[in-house]
Amino acid sequence: METLLYITWDVDPQAFYLLGREIRWYGILWALGVLGTAFVVQRMYKFEKLPEEWFDSLFMNVLVCLLIGARLGHCLFYEPMEYLADPVSLIQVWKGGLASHGGAIGMVIGVCLYSLKITKTKLNWRNILIGALSGFILAGGVKYIISPDTLDATLGIAFLGLFVGVAIAMLLSIYPTAIQTLDRLVVGVALGATSIRLGNLMNHEIYGGPLDKPWAFRFILNIEEWKQGGEPIYSLPSHPTQIYEALTYFCIFLIGMFLYYKTNARFKTGLILGISLIGIFLSRFLVEFIKNVQVDYESEMILNMGQLLSLPFVIWGFYLVWSALKNNNKEEITNKTK
């Protein structure tokens, strides 16, 4: 009778077979997330009467950098020693492994490449190299000083610093054009993130700890054996953190749409981006407290890897909101004195 108090999630992650290859709901929802993001941003470009070829260029740059960033983020942020020992595994995407934080940084870099193209600005490789080395050494050094025993985590944070350093160097070279583009893109990304988290739900992964409430989910632990006809082994009733995050991201999407179409926020560079970053990554930071760790060494950390990866985005979000409001106040003062 106790099982009736919980939701038993026995959905098959496999949607169908195509040409002898398994197609999972996760992959379908990832693709729908990308298409949903593209649709939202394309409508914004049409609303502002911007050239269609600009959107096409943006879409291709962001899509490629998103996929590369998400894959490298999973491999180098969470399990760098394992993947560096077998570099070929870095490209084995079909075995799973995409990280949202790496994807987010990849999208920022993609937007910068797009912005450089439409403004005909040259890439400054010297600044990128300085940013990459500075980020790697600074982030890795701080992590090692705080906790020298977790070498894998130290190297993961160092790679995060490297990625962030590259993104910052590129943003500084193309500011504020890149930020204005990200103000549009982030609204669609919140919708895409909603779809991806639903994909995690279909995949029986990335859920939380035990929960004694009617909305707790029991997930299948032995998916592959169960698909072969074995008896399912269920988790304890757990927090469905995939649903928590999906609902949060969808609310952020609605807020972004309201700010863009119903207010003058789109004229305040960085405001929509900043609010969205705070909403997406602060919620991710908080949900991590009830989410199961993804790699073993995280259990020894005060803040897990997902939280550490979220902090730079939260800080950047608060800075963008402060900067947008500050610059807006300066413009108001200037206009009043004219």
C-alpha atoms as a PDB file:
ATOM      1  CA  MET A   1       0.000   0.000   0.000  1.00  0.00           C
ATOM      2  CA  GLU A   2       2.892   2.380   0.701  1.00  0.00           C
ATOM      3  CA  THR A   3       3.874   2.399  -2.998  1.00  0.00           C
ATOM      4  CA  LEU A   4       0.498   3.921  -3.829  1.00  0.00           C
ATOM      5  CA  LEU A   5       1.602   7.054  -1.970  1.00  0.00           C
ATOM      6  CA  TYR A   6       4.319   7.673  -4.571  1.00  0.00           C
ATOM      7  CA  ILE A   7       4.631   7.913  -8.340  1.00  0.00           C
ATOM      8  CA  THR A   8       6.266   4.861  -9.901  1.00  0.00           C
ATOM      9  CA  TRP A   9       8.032   6.134 -13.024  1.00  0.00           C
ATOM     10  CA  ASP A  10       8.354   3.176 -15.381  1.00  0.00           C
ATOM     11  CA  VAL A  11       8.461   5.028 -18.709  1.00  0.00           C
ATOM     12  CA  ASP A  12      10.833   3.467 -21.251  1.00  0.00           C
ATOM     13  CA  PRO A  13      13.636   5.934 -22.169  1.00  0.00           C
ATOM     14  CA  GLN A  14      13.587   4.490 -25.684  1.00  0.00           C
ATOM     15  CA  ALA A  15      11.101   6.146 -28.024  1.00  0.00           C
ATOM     16  CA  PHE A  16      11.691   3.948 -31.101  1.00  0.00           C
ATOM     17  CA  TYR A  17      14.327   2.417 -33.370  1.00  0.00           C
ATOM     18  CA  LEU A  18      15.486   4.121 -36.566  1.00  0.00           C
ATOM     19  CA  LEU A  19      17.711   2.279 -39.035  1.00  0.00           C
ATOM     20  CA  GLY A  20      18.720  -0.134 -36.310  1.00  0.00           C
ATOM     21  CA  ARG A  21      19.716   2.606 -33.851  1.00  0.00           C
ATOM     22  CA  GLU A  22      17.923   3.366 -30.605  1.00  0.00           C
ATOM     23  CA  ILE A  23      16.284   6.805 -30.455  1.00  0.00           C
ATOM     24  CA  ARG A  24      15.669   7.995 -26.917  1.00  0.00           C
ATOM     25  CA  TRP A  25      13.209  10.538 -25.609  1.00  0.00           C
ATOM     26  CA  TYR A  26      16.193  12.437 -24.192  1.00  0.00           C
ATOM     27  CA  GLY A  27      17.602  13.035 -27.670  1.00  0.00           C
ATOM     28  CA  ILE A  28      14.184  13.987 -29.040  1.00  0.00           C
ATOM     29  CA  LEU A  29      13.591  16.481 -26.228  1.00  0.00           C
ATOM     30  CA  TRP A  30      17.105  17.898 -26.681  1.00  0.00           C
ATOM     31  CA  ALA A  31      16.320  18.479 -30.366  1.00  0.00           C
ATOM     32  CA  LEU A  32      12.926  20.004 -29.520  1.00  0.00           C
ATOM     33  CA  GLY A  33      14.652  22.278 -27.010  1.00  0.00           C
ATOM     34  CA  VAL A  34      17.065  23.540 -29.674  1.00  0.00           C
ATOM     35  CA  LEU A  35      14.222  24.048 -32.177  1.00  0.00           C
ATOM     36  CA  GLY A  36      12.098  25.818 -29.559  1.00  0.00           C
ATOM     37  CA  THR A  37      14.975  28.150 -28.736  1.00  0.00           C
ATOM     38  CA  ALA A  38      15.531  28.866 -32.428  1.00  0.00           C
ATOM     39  CA  PHE A  39      11.834  29.596 -32.999  1.00  0.00           C
ATOM     40  CA  VAL A  40      11.628  32.069 -30.100  1.00  0.00           C
ATOM     41  CA  VAL A  41      14.799  33.941 -31.122  1.00  0.00           C
ATOM     42  CA  GLN A  42      13.841  33.999 -34.813  1.00  0.00           C
ATOM     43  CA  ARG A  43      10.521  35.645 -33.901  1.00  0.00           C
ATOM     44  CA  MET A  44      12.461  38.296 -31.970  1.00  0.00           C
ATOM     45  CA  TYR A  45      14.676  39.000 -34.982  1.00  0.00           C
ATOM     46  CA  LYS A  46      11.579  39.415 -37.148  1.00  0.00           C
ATOM     47  CA  PHE A  47       9.964  41.631 -34.487  1.00  0.00           C
ATOM     48  CA  GLU A  48      12.998  43.929 -34.556  1.00  0.00           C
ATOM     49  CA  LYS A  49      13.208  43.693 -38.377  1.00  0.00           C
ATOM     50  CA  LEU A  50      16.786  42.415 -38.267  1.00  0.00           C
ATOM     51  CA  PRO A  51      18.302  40.700 -41.347  1.00  0.00           C
ATOM     52  CA  GLU A  52      17.327  37.038 -41.723  1.00  0.00           C
ATOM     53  CA  GLU A  53      20.912  36.059 -42.514  1.00  0.00           C
ATOM     54  CA  TRP A  54      21.973  37.375 -39.107  1.00  0.00           C
ATOM     55  CA  PHE A  55      19.727  34.841 -37.417  1.00  0.00           C
ATOM     56  CA  ASP A  56      20.980  32.029 -39.675  1.00  0.00           C
ATOM     57  CA  SER A  57      24.575  32.844 -38.750  1.00  0.00           C
ATOM     58  CA  LEU A  58      23.690  33.070 -35.056  1.00  0.00           C
ATOM     59  CA  PHE A  59      21.881  29.720 -35.111  1.00  0.00           C
ATOM     60  CA  MET A  60      24.766  27.824 -36.708  1.00  0.00           C
ATOM     61  CA  ASN A  61      27.447  29.360 -34.476  1.00  0.00           C
ATOM     62  CA  VAL A  62      25.474  28.792 -31.285  1.00  0.00           C
ATOM     63  CA  LEU A  63      24.381  25.252 -32.164  1.00  0.00           C
ATOM     64  CA  VAL A  64      27.917  24.056 -32.906  1.00  0.00           C
ATOM     65  CA  CYS A  65      29.420  25.747 -29.836  1.00  0.00           C
ATOM     66  CA  LEU A  66      26.544  24.547 -27.641  1.00  0.00           C
ATOM     67  CA  LEU A  67      27.135  20.896 -28.524  1.00  0.00           C
ATOM     68  CA  ILE A  68      30.922  21.142 -28.229  1.00  0.00           C
ATOM     69  CA  GLY A  69      30.694  23.066 -24.959  1.00  0.00           C
ATOM     70  CA  ALA A  70      28.120  20.701 -23.440  1.00  0.00           C
ATOM     71  CA  ARG A  71      30.236  17.648 -24.317  1.00  0.00           C
ATOM     72  CA  LEU A  72      33.553  19.108 -23.153  1.00  0.00           C
ATOM     73  CA  GLY A  73      31.849  20.443 -20.029  1.00  0.00           C
ATOM     74  CA  HIS A  74      30.639  16.965 -19.067  1.00  0.00           C
ATOM     75  CA  CYS A  75      34.011  15.373 -19.758  1.00  0.00           C
ATOM     76  CA  LEU A  76      36.395  18.014 -18.406  1.00  0.00           C
ATOM     77  CA  PHE A  77      34.381  19.538 -15.545  1.00  0.00           C
ATOM     78  CA  TYR A  78      33.179  16.312 -13.913  1.00  0.00           C
ATOM     79  CA  GLU A  79      35.600  13.511 -14.858  1.00  0.00           C
ATOM     80  CA  PRO A  80      38.685  15.080 -16.484  1.00  0.00           C
ATOM     81  CA  MET A  81      41.176  12.380 -15.455  1.00  0.00           C
ATOM     82  CA  GLU A  82      39.094   9.594 -16.990  1.00  0.00           C
ATOM     83  CA  TYR A  83      38.499  11.353 -20.306  1.00  0.00           C
ATOM     84  CA  LEU A  84      42.024  12.748 -20.671  1.00  0.00           C
ATOM     85  CA  ALA A  85      43.358   9.218 -20.175  1.00  0.00           C
ATOM     86  CA  ASP A  86      41.218   8.143 -23.162  1.00  0.00           C
ATOM     87  CA  PRO A  87      40.841  11.206 -25.449  1.00  0.00           C
ATOM     88  CA  VAL A  88      38.873   9.212 -28.047  1.00  0.00           C
ATOM     89  CA  SER A  89      36.010   8.980 -25.529  1.00  0.00           C
ATOM     90  CA  LEU A  90      35.593  12.757 -25.763  1.00  0.00           C
ATOM     91  CA  ILE A  91      33.845  12.362 -29.114  1.00  0.00           C
ATOM     92  CA  GLN A  92      31.729   9.326 -28.150  1.00  0.00           C
ATOM     93  CA  VAL A  93      28.592  11.401 -27.649  1.00  0.00           C
ATOM     94  CA  TRP A  94      26.315   8.426 -28.306  1.00  0.00           C
ATOM     95  CA  LYS A  95      27.375   7.001 -24.943  1.00  0.00           C
ATOM     96  CA  GLY A  96      25.786  10.000 -23.189  1.00  0.00           C
ATOM     97  CA  GLY A  97      27.172  12.951 -21.297  1.00  0.00           C
ATOM     98  CA  LEU A  98      26.258  16.602 -21.897  1.00  0.00           C
ATOM     99  CA  ALA A  99      26.659  19.304 -19.250  1.00  0.00           C
ATOM    100  CA  SER A 100      24.389  22.351 -19.151  1.00  0.00           C
ATOM    101  CA  HIS A 101      27.110  24.614 -17.735  1.00  0.00           C
ATOM    102  CA  GLY A 102      29.494  23.719 -20.542  1.00  0.00           C
ATOM    103  CA  GLY A 103      26.686  24.266 -23.031  1.00  0.00           C
ATOM    104  CA  ALA A 104      25.993  27.699 -21.548  1.00  0.00           C
ATOM    105  CA  ILE A 105      29.625  28.760 -21.896  1.00  0.00           C
ATOM    106  CA  GLY A 106      29.675  27.312 -25.401  1.00  0.00           C
ATOM    107  CA  MET A 107      26.640  29.407 -26.349  1.00  0.00           C
ATOM    108  CA  VAL A 108      28.352  32.558 -25.049  1.00  0.00           C
ATOM    109  CA  ILE A 109      31.395  31.778 -27.202  1.00  0.00           C
ATOM    110  CA  GLY A 110      29.119  31.062 -30.188  1.00  0.00           C
ATOM    111  CA  VAL A 111      27.396  34.428 -29.759  1.00  0.00           C
ATOM    112  CA  CYS A 112      30.797  36.127 -29.607  1.00  0.00           C
ATOM    113  CA  LEU A 113      31.889  34.444 -32.863  1.00  0.00           C
ATOM    114  CA  TYR A 114      28.619  35.544 -34.482  1.00  0.00           C
ATOM    115  CA  SER A 115      29.067  39.110 -33.187  1.00  0.00           C
ATOM    116  CA  LEU A 116      32.626  39.264 -34.488  1.00  0.00           C
ATOM    117  CA  LYS A 117      31.337  38.223 -37.919  1.00  0.00           C
ATOM    118  CA  ILE A 118      28.506  40.759 -38.238  1.00  0.00           C
ATOM    119  CA  THR A 119      30.636  43.609 -36.875  1.00  0.00           C
ATOM    120  CA  LYS A 120      33.653  42.521 -38.976  1.00  0.00           C
ATOM    121  CA  THR A 121      35.875  42.539 -35.887  1.00  0.00           C
ATOM    122  CA  LYS A 122      39.016  40.399 -35.796  1.00  0.00           C
ATOM    123  CA  LEU A 123      39.574  37.778 -33.118  1.00  0.00           C
ATOM    124  CA  ASN A 124      42.308  38.732 -30.639  1.00  0.00           C
ATOM    125  CA  TRP A 125      44.086  35.433 -30.045  1.00  0.00           C
ATOM    126  CA  ARG A 126      46.553  36.978 -27.585  1.00  0.00           C
ATOM    127  CA  ASN A 127      43.769  38.064 -25.229  1.00  0.00           C
ATOM    128  CA  ILE A 128      42.050  34.680 -25.558  1.00  0.00           C
ATOM    129  CA  LEU A 129      45.266  32.855 -24.634  1.00  0.00           C
ATOM    130  CA  ILE A 130      45.802  35.153 -21.633  1.00  0.00           C
ATOM    131  CA  GLY A 131      42.192  34.632 -20.527  1.00  0.00           C
ATOM    132  CA  ALA A 132      42.434  30.855 -20.883  1.00  0.00           C
ATOM    133  CA  LEU A 133      45.711  30.529 -18.948  1.00  0.00           C
ATOM    134  CA  SER A 134      44.643  33.003 -16.272  1.00  0.00           C
ATOM    135  CA  GLY A 135      41.333  31.252 -15.734  1.00  0.00           C
ATOM    136  CA  PHE A 136      42.919  27.788 -15.604  1.00  0.00           C
ATOM    137  CA  ILE A 137      45.631  28.757 -13.131  1.00  0.00           C
ATOM    138  CA  LEU A 138      43.457  30.984 -10.924  1.00  0.00           C
ATOM    139  CA  ALA A 139      40.454  28.650 -10.651  1.00  0.00           C
ATOM    140  CA  GLY A 140      42.545  25.511 -10.256  1.00  0.00           C
ATOM    141  CA  GLY A 141      44.885  27.197  -7.774  1.00  0.00           C
ATOM    142  CA  VAL A 142      42.071  28.431  -5.540  1.00  0.00           C
ATOM    143  CA  LYS A 143      40.383  25.020  -5.578  1.00  0.00           C
ATOM    144  CA  TYR A 144      43.666  23.255  -4.750  1.00  0.00           C
ATOM    145  CA  ILE A 145      44.331  25.582  -1.811  1.00  0.00           C
ATOM    146  CA  ILE A 146      40.845  24.978  -0.410  1.00  0.00           C
ATOM    147  CA  SER A 147      40.778  21.203  -1.002  1.00  0.00           C
ATOM    148  CA  PRO A 148      44.024  19.628  -2.306  1.00  0.00           C
ATOM    149  CA  ASP A 149      42.818  16.035  -1.841  1.00  0.00           C
ATOM    150  CA  THR A 150      40.265  16.004  -4.676  1.00  0.00           C
ATOM    151  CA  LEU A 151      42.567  16.175  -7.718  1.00  0.00           C
ATOM    152  CA  ASP A 152      39.791  15.337 -10.211  1.00  0.00           C
ATOM    153  CA  ALA A 153      37.636  18.184  -8.862  1.00  0.00           C
ATOM    154  CA  THR A 154      40.600  20.580  -8.878  1.00  0.00           C
ATOM    155  CA  LEU A 155      41.314  19.823 -12.518  1.00  0.00           C
ATOM    156  CA  GLY A 156      37.599  20.130 -13.333  1.00  0.00           C
ATOM    157  CA  ILE A 157      37.406  23.587 -11.746  1.00  0.00           C
ATOM    158  CA  ALA A 158      40.616  24.558 -13.566  1.00  0.00           C
ATOM    159  CA  PHE A 159      39.016  23.632 -16.902  1.00  0.00           C
ATOM    160  CA  LEU A 160      35.933  25.644 -15.896  1.00  0.00           C
ATOM    161  CA  GLY A 161      38.252  28.614 -15.308  1.00  0.00           C
ATOM    162  CA  LEU A 162      39.815  28.067 -18.718  1.00  0.00           C
ATOM    163  CA  PHE A 163      36.415  28.065 -20.469  1.00  0.00           C
ATOM    164  CA  VAL A 164      35.241  31.109 -18.520  1.00  0.00           C
ATOM    165  CA  GLY A 165      38.500  32.927 -19.228  1.00  0.00           C
ATOM    166  CA  VAL A 166      38.079  32.389 -22.967  1.00  0.00           C
ATOM    167  CA  ALA A 167      34.445  33.543 -22.843  1.00  0.00           C
ATOM    168  CA  ILE A 168      35.329  36.692 -20.874  1.00  0.00           C
ATOM    169  CA  ALA A 169      38.166  37.584 -23.245  1.00  0.00           C
ATOM    170  CA  MET A 170      35.840  37.225 -26.234  1.00  0.00           C
ATOM    171  CA  LEU A 171      32.999  39.141 -24.578  1.00  0.00           C
ATOM    172  CA  LEU A 172      35.280  42.073 -23.774  1.00  0.00           C
ATOM    173  CA  SER A 173      36.369  42.259 -27.406  1.00  0.00           C
ATOM    174  CA  ILE A 174      32.794  42.467 -28.729  1.00  0.00           C
ATOM    175  CA  TYR A 175      30.894  44.164 -25.886  1.00  0.00           C
ATOM    176  CA  PRO A 176      28.037  45.306 -25.941  1.00  0.00           C
ATOM    177  CA  THR A 177      26.965  43.662 -29.237  1.00  0.00           C
ATOM    178  CA  ALA A 178      27.305  40.161 -27.796  1.00  0.00           C
ATOM    179  CA  ILE A 179      25.332  41.082 -24.661  1.00  0.00           C
ATOM    180  CA  GLN A 180      22.490  42.510 -26.747  1.00  0.00           C
ATOM    181  CA  THR A 181      22.332  39.245 -28.682  1.00  0.00           C
ATOM    182  CA  LEU A 182      22.406  37.211 -25.467  1.00  0.00           C
ATOM    183  CA  ASP A 183      19.472  39.275 -24.156  1.00  0.00           C
ATOM    184  CA  ARG A 184      17.388  37.714 -26.919  1.00  0.00           C
ATOM    185  CA  LEU A 185      18.958  34.270 -26.937  1.00  0.00           C
ATOM    186  CA  VAL A 186      18.592  33.613 -23.207  1.00  0.00           C
ATOM    187  CA  VAL A 187      14.792  33.851 -23.412  1.00  0.00           C
ATOM    188  CA  GLY A 188      14.682  30.988 -25.888  1.00  0.00           C
ATOM    189  CA  VAL A 189      17.342  29.083 -23.958  1.00  0.00           C
ATOM    190  CA  ALA A 190      15.108  28.987 -20.872  1.00  0.00           C
ATOM    191  CA  LEU A 191      12.482  27.209 -22.980  1.00  0.00           C
ATOM    192  CA  GLY A 192      15.111  24.842 -24.361  1.00  0.00           C
ATOM    193  CA  ALA A 193      16.373  24.064 -20.850  1.00  0.00           C
ATOM    194  CA  THR A 194      12.819  23.157 -19.848  1.00  0.00           C
ATOM    195  CA  SER A 195      12.680  20.550 -22.609  1.00  0.00           C
ATOM    196  CA  ILE A 196      16.104  19.125 -21.740  1.00  0.00           C
ATOM    197  CA  ARG A 197      15.188  18.632 -18.082  1.00  0.00           C
ATOM    198  CA  LEU A 198      12.083  16.723 -19.198  1.00  0.00           C
ATOM    199  CA  GLY A 199      14.501  14.587 -21.208  1.00  0.00           C
ATOM    200  CA  ASN A 200      16.383  13.832 -17.986  1.00  0.00           C
ATOM    201  CA  LEU A 201      13.074  12.767 -16.445  1.00  0.00           C
ATOM    202  CA  MET A 202      12.436  10.360 -19.333  1.00  0.00           C
ATOM    203  CA  ASN A 203      15.980   9.028 -18.884  1.00  0.00           C
ATOM    204  CA  HIS A 204      15.486   8.255 -15.153  1.00  0.00           C
ATOM    205  CA  GLU A 205      18.506  10.419 -14.262  1.00  0.00           C
ATOM    206  CA  ILE A 206      19.617  13.481 -12.292  1.00  0.00           C
ATOM    207  CA  TYR A 207      17.027  13.205  -9.548  1.00  0.00           C
ATOM    208  CA  GLY A 208      17.128  14.042  -5.872  1.00  0.00           C
ATOM    209  CA  GLY A 209      17.395  12.343  -2.520  1.00  0.00           C
ATOM    210  CA  PRO A 210      14.680  10.524  -0.550  1.00  0.00           C
ATOM    211  CA  LEU A 211      11.313  12.248  -0.182  1.00  0.00           C
ATOM    212  CA  ASP A 212       8.289  11.213   1.843  1.00  0.00           C
ATOM    213  CA  LYS A 213       5.633  13.161  -0.061  1.00  0.00           C
ATOM    214  CA  PRO A 214       2.896  12.154  -2.559  1.00  0.00           C
ATOM    215  CA  TRP A 215       4.804  13.733  -5.468  1.00  0.00           C
ATOM    216  CA  ALA A 216       7.924  11.621  -4.846  1.00  0.00           C
ATOM    217  CA  PHE A 217       9.053   9.484  -7.805  1.00  0.00           C
ATOM    218  CA  ARG A 218      10.430   5.946  -7.797  1.00  0.00           C
ATOM    219  CA  PHE A 219      12.875   5.667 -10.716  1.00  0.00           C
ATOM    220  CA  ILE A 220      14.196   2.475 -12.300  1.00  0.00           C
ATOM    221  CA  LEU A 221      17.832   1.896 -11.357  1.00  0.00           C
ATOM    222  CA  ASN A 222      18.586  -1.014 -13.736  1.00  0.00           C
ATOM    223  CA  ILE A 223      17.263   0.454 -16.990  1.00  0.00           C
ATOM    224  CA  GLU A 224      19.286  -1.741 -19.365  1.00  0.00           C
ATOM    225  CA  GLU A 225      18.463  -4.992 -17.559  1.00  0.00           C
ATOM    226  CA  TRP A 226      14.790  -3.990 -17.314  1.00  0.00           C
ATOM    227  CA  LYS A 227      14.659  -3.338 -21.069  1.00  0.00           C
ATOM    228  CA  GLN A 228      15.986  -6.852 -21.629  1.00  0.00           C
ATOM    229  CA  GLY A 229      13.073  -8.304 -19.639  1.00  0.00           C
ATOM    230  CA  GLY A 230      14.518  -8.257 -16.143  1.00  0.00           C
ATOM    231  CA  GLU A 231      12.628  -7.221 -13.041  1.00  0.00           C
ATOM    232  CA  PRO A 232      12.871  -3.484 -12.363  1.00  0.00           C
ATOM    233  CA  ILE A 233      14.800  -2.285  -9.329  1.00  0.00           C
ATOM    234  CA  TYR A 234      13.350   0.976  -8.091  1.00  0.00           C
ATOM    235  CA  SER A 235      14.982   3.819  -6.235  1.00  0.00           C
ATOM    236  CA  LEU A 236      13.636   5.047  -2.942  1.00  0.00           C
ATOM    237  CA  PRO A 237      10.841   7.621  -3.339  1.00  0.00           C
ATOM    238  CA  SER A 238      12.870  10.659  -4.419  1.00  0.00           C
ATOM    239  CA  HIS A 239      12.669  14.348  -5.256  1.00  0.00           C
ATOM    240  CA  PRO A 240      11.827  14.678  -8.987  1.00  0.00           C
ATOM    241  CA  THR A 241      14.344  17.500  -9.346  1.00  0.00           C
ATOM    242  CA  GLN A 242      14.059  17.314 -13.140  1.00  0.00           C
ATOM    243  CA  ILE A 243      10.458  18.558 -12.794  1.00  0.00           C
ATOM    244  CA  TYR A 244      11.434  21.208 -10.243  1.00  0.00           C
ATOM    245  CA  GLU A 245      14.003  22.619 -12.649  1.00  0.00           C
ATOM    246  CA  ALA A 246      11.772  22.299 -15.720  1.00  0.00           C
ATOM    247  CA  LEU A 247       8.989  24.286 -14.028  1.00  0.00           C
ATOM    248  CA  THR A 248      11.476  26.930 -12.858  1.00  0.00           C
ATOM    249  CA  TYR A 249      13.016  27.335 -16.315  1.00  0.00           C
ATOM    250  CA  PHE A 250       9.581  27.590 -17.933  1.00  0.00           C
ATOM    251  CA  CYS A 251       8.632  30.373 -15.501  1.00  0.00           C
ATOM    252  CA  ILE A 252      11.888  32.164 -16.379  1.00  0.00           C
ATOM    253  CA  PHE A 253      11.006  31.794 -20.055  1.00  0.00           C
ATOM    254  CA  LEU A 254       7.607  33.432 -19.441  1.00  0.00           C
ATOM    255  CA  ILE A 255       9.246  36.250 -17.457  1.00  0.00           C
ATOM    256  CA  GLY A 256      11.748  36.806 -20.267  1.00  0.00           C
ATOM    257  CA  MET A 257       8.987  36.957 -22.871  1.00  0.00           C
ATOM    258  CA  PHE A 258       7.076  39.470 -20.762  1.00  0.00           C
ATOM    259  CA  LEU A 259      10.152  41.650 -20.235  1.00  0.00           C
ATOM    260  CA  TYR A 260      11.037  41.579 -23.924  1.00  0.00           C
ATOM    261  CA  TYR A 261       7.613  42.240 -25.461  1.00  0.00           C
ATOM    262  CA  LYS A 262       5.730  44.144 -22.737  1.00  0.00           C
ATOM    263  CA  THR A 263       8.390  46.379 -21.172  1.00  0.00           C
ATOM    264  CA  ASN A 264      11.365  48.442 -22.311  1.00  0.00           C
ATOM    265  CA  ALA A 265      13.818  45.926 -20.792  1.00  0.00           C
ATOM    266  CA  ARG A 266      15.168  44.974 -24.224  1.00  0.00           C
ATOM    267  CA  PHE A 267      16.582  48.504 -24.561  1.00  0.00           C
ATOM    268  CA  LYS A 268      18.598  48.091 -21.328  1.00  0.00           C
ATOM    269  CA  THR A 269      21.608  46.066 -22.397  1.00  0.00           C
ATOM    270  CA  GLY A 270      22.137  43.030 -20.188  1.00  0.00           C
ATOM    271  CA  LEU A 271      18.981  43.352 -18.062  1.00  0.00           C
ATOM    272  CA  ILE A 272      17.039  40.380 -19.489  1.00  0.00           C
ATOM    273  CA  LEU A 273      20.217  38.306 -19.623  1.00  0.00           C
ATOM    274  CA  GLY A 274      21.097  39.153 -16.030  1.00  0.00           C
ATOM    275  CA  ILE A 275      17.637  38.363 -14.647  1.00  0.00           C
ATOM    276  CA  SER A 276      17.568  35.081 -16.560  1.00  0.00           C
ATOM    277  CA  LEU A 277      21.038  34.036 -15.395  1.00  0.00           C
ATOM    278  CA  ILE A 278      20.104  34.700 -11.783  1.00  0.00           C
ATOM    279  CA  GLY A 279      16.867  32.767 -12.134  1.00  0.00           C
ATOM    280  CA  ILE A 280      18.342  29.783 -13.993  1.00  0.00           C
ATOM    281  CA  PHE A 281      21.575  29.294 -12.094  1.00  0.00           C
ATOM    282  CA  LEU A 282      20.493  30.382  -8.619  1.00  0.00           C
ATOM    283  CA  SER A 283      17.641  27.873  -8.825  1.00  0.00           C
ATOM    284  CA  ARG A 284      20.129  25.262 -10.057  1.00  0.00           C
ATOM    285  CA  PHE A 285      22.423  26.113  -7.120  1.00  0.00           C
ATOM    286  CA  LEU A 286      19.583  25.617  -4.622  1.00  0.00           C
ATOM    287  CA  VAL A 287      18.212  22.417  -6.197  1.00  0.00           C
ATOM    288  CA  GLU A 288      21.671  20.864  -5.976  1.00  0.00           C
ATOM    289  CA  PHE A 289      21.260  20.685  -2.192  1.00  0.00           C
ATOM    290  CA  ILE A 290      18.610  17.972  -2.615  1.00  0.00           C
ATOM    291  CA  LYS A 291      19.993  16.356  -5.776  1.00  0.00           C
ATOM    292  CA  ASN A 292      22.100  13.188  -5.768  1.00  0.00           C
ATOM    293  CA  VAL A 293      25.785  13.722  -6.602  1.00  0.00           C
ATOM    294  CA  GLN A 294      26.816  12.901 -10.173  1.00  0.00           C
ATOM    295  CA  VAL A 295      30.364  11.743  -9.384  1.00  0.00           C
ATOM    296  CA  ASP A 296      31.685  10.143  -6.199  1.00  0.00           C
ATOM    297  CA  TYR A 297      34.173  12.839  -5.186  1.00  0.00           C
ATOM    298  CA  GLU A 298      31.345  15.390  -4.880  1.00  0.00           C
ATOM    299  CA  SER A 299      30.235  13.760  -1.634  1.00  0.00           C
ATOM    300  CA  GLU A 300      33.406  15.109  -0.005  1.00  0.00           C
ATOM    301  CA  MET A 301      32.800  18.693  -1.165  1.00  0.00           C
ATOM    302  CA  ILE A 302      30.987  21.421   0.787  1.00  0.00           C
ATOM    303  CA  LEU A 303      29.490  22.662  -2.481  1.00  0.00           C
ATOM    304  CA  ASN A 304      29.179  20.120  -5.285  1.00  0.00           C
ATOM    305  CA  MET A 305      30.413  20.632  -8.830  1.00  0.00           C
ATOM    306  CA  GLY A 306      27.022  21.792 -10.122  1.00  0.00           C
ATOM    307  CA  GLN A 307      26.939  24.527  -7.476  1.00  0.00           C
ATOM    308  CA  LEU A 308      30.513  25.643  -8.104  1.00  0.00           C
ATOM    309  CA  LEU A 309      29.795  25.791 -11.828  1.00  0.00           C
ATOM    310  CA  SER A 310      26.652  27.850 -11.202  1.00  0.00           C
ATOM    311  CA  LEU A 311      28.287  30.538  -9.055  1.00  0.00           C
ATOM    312  CA  PRO A 312      30.093  32.421 -11.888  1.00  0.00           C
ATOM    313  CA  PHE A 313      26.800  32.711 -13.815  1.00  0.00           C
ATOM    314  CA  VAL A 314      24.919  33.974 -10.740  1.00  0.00           C
ATOM    315  CA  ILE A 315      27.598  36.595 -10.023  1.00  0.00           C
ATOM    316  CA  TRP A 316      27.620  37.651 -13.680  1.00  0.00           C
ATOM    317  CA  GLY A 317      23.828  37.908 -13.614  1.00  0.00           C
ATOM    318  CA  PHE A 318      23.819  40.280 -10.628  1.00  0.00           C
ATOM    319  CA  TYR A 319      26.543  42.386 -12.277  1.00  0.00           C
ATOM    320  CA  LEU A 320      24.554  42.642 -15.526  1.00  0.00           C
ATOM    321  CA  VAL A 321      21.376  43.729 -13.705  1.00  0.00           C
ATOM    322  CA  TRP A 322      23.308  46.309 -11.663  1.00  0.00           C
ATOM    323  CA  SER A 323      25.114  47.597 -14.753  1.00  0.00           C
ATOM    324  CA  ALA A 324      21.913  47.822 -16.834  1.00  0.00           C
ATOM    325  CA  LEU A 325      20.025  49.724 -14.130  1.00  0.00           C
ATOM    326  CA  LYS A 326      23.008  51.969 -13.407  1.00  0.00           C
ATOM    327  CA  ASN A 327      23.477  52.908 -17.059  1.00  0.00           C
ATOM    328  CA  ASN A 328      19.737  53.501 -17.414  1.00  0.00           C
ATOM    329  CA  ASN A 329      19.794  55.887 -14.451  1.00  0.00           C
ATOM    330  CA  LYS A 330      22.709  57.756 -16.029  1.00  0.00           C
ATOM    331  CA  GLU A 331      20.754  58.145 -19.262  1.00  0.00           C
ATOM    332  CA  GLU A 332      17.718  59.471 -17.369  1.00  0.00           C
ATOM    333  CA  ILE A 333      19.867  62.017 -15.529  1.00  0.00           C
ATOM    334  CA  THR A 334      21.529  63.078 -18.798  1.00  0.00           C
ATOM    335  CA  ASN A 335      18.169  63.525 -20.516  1.00  0.00           C
ATOM    336  CA  LYS A 336      16.817  65.628 -17.632  1.00  0.00           C
ATOM    337  CA  THR A 337      19.799  67.989 -17.759  1.00  0.00           C
ATOM    338  CA  LYS A 338      19.508  68.610 -21.489  1.00  0.00           C
END
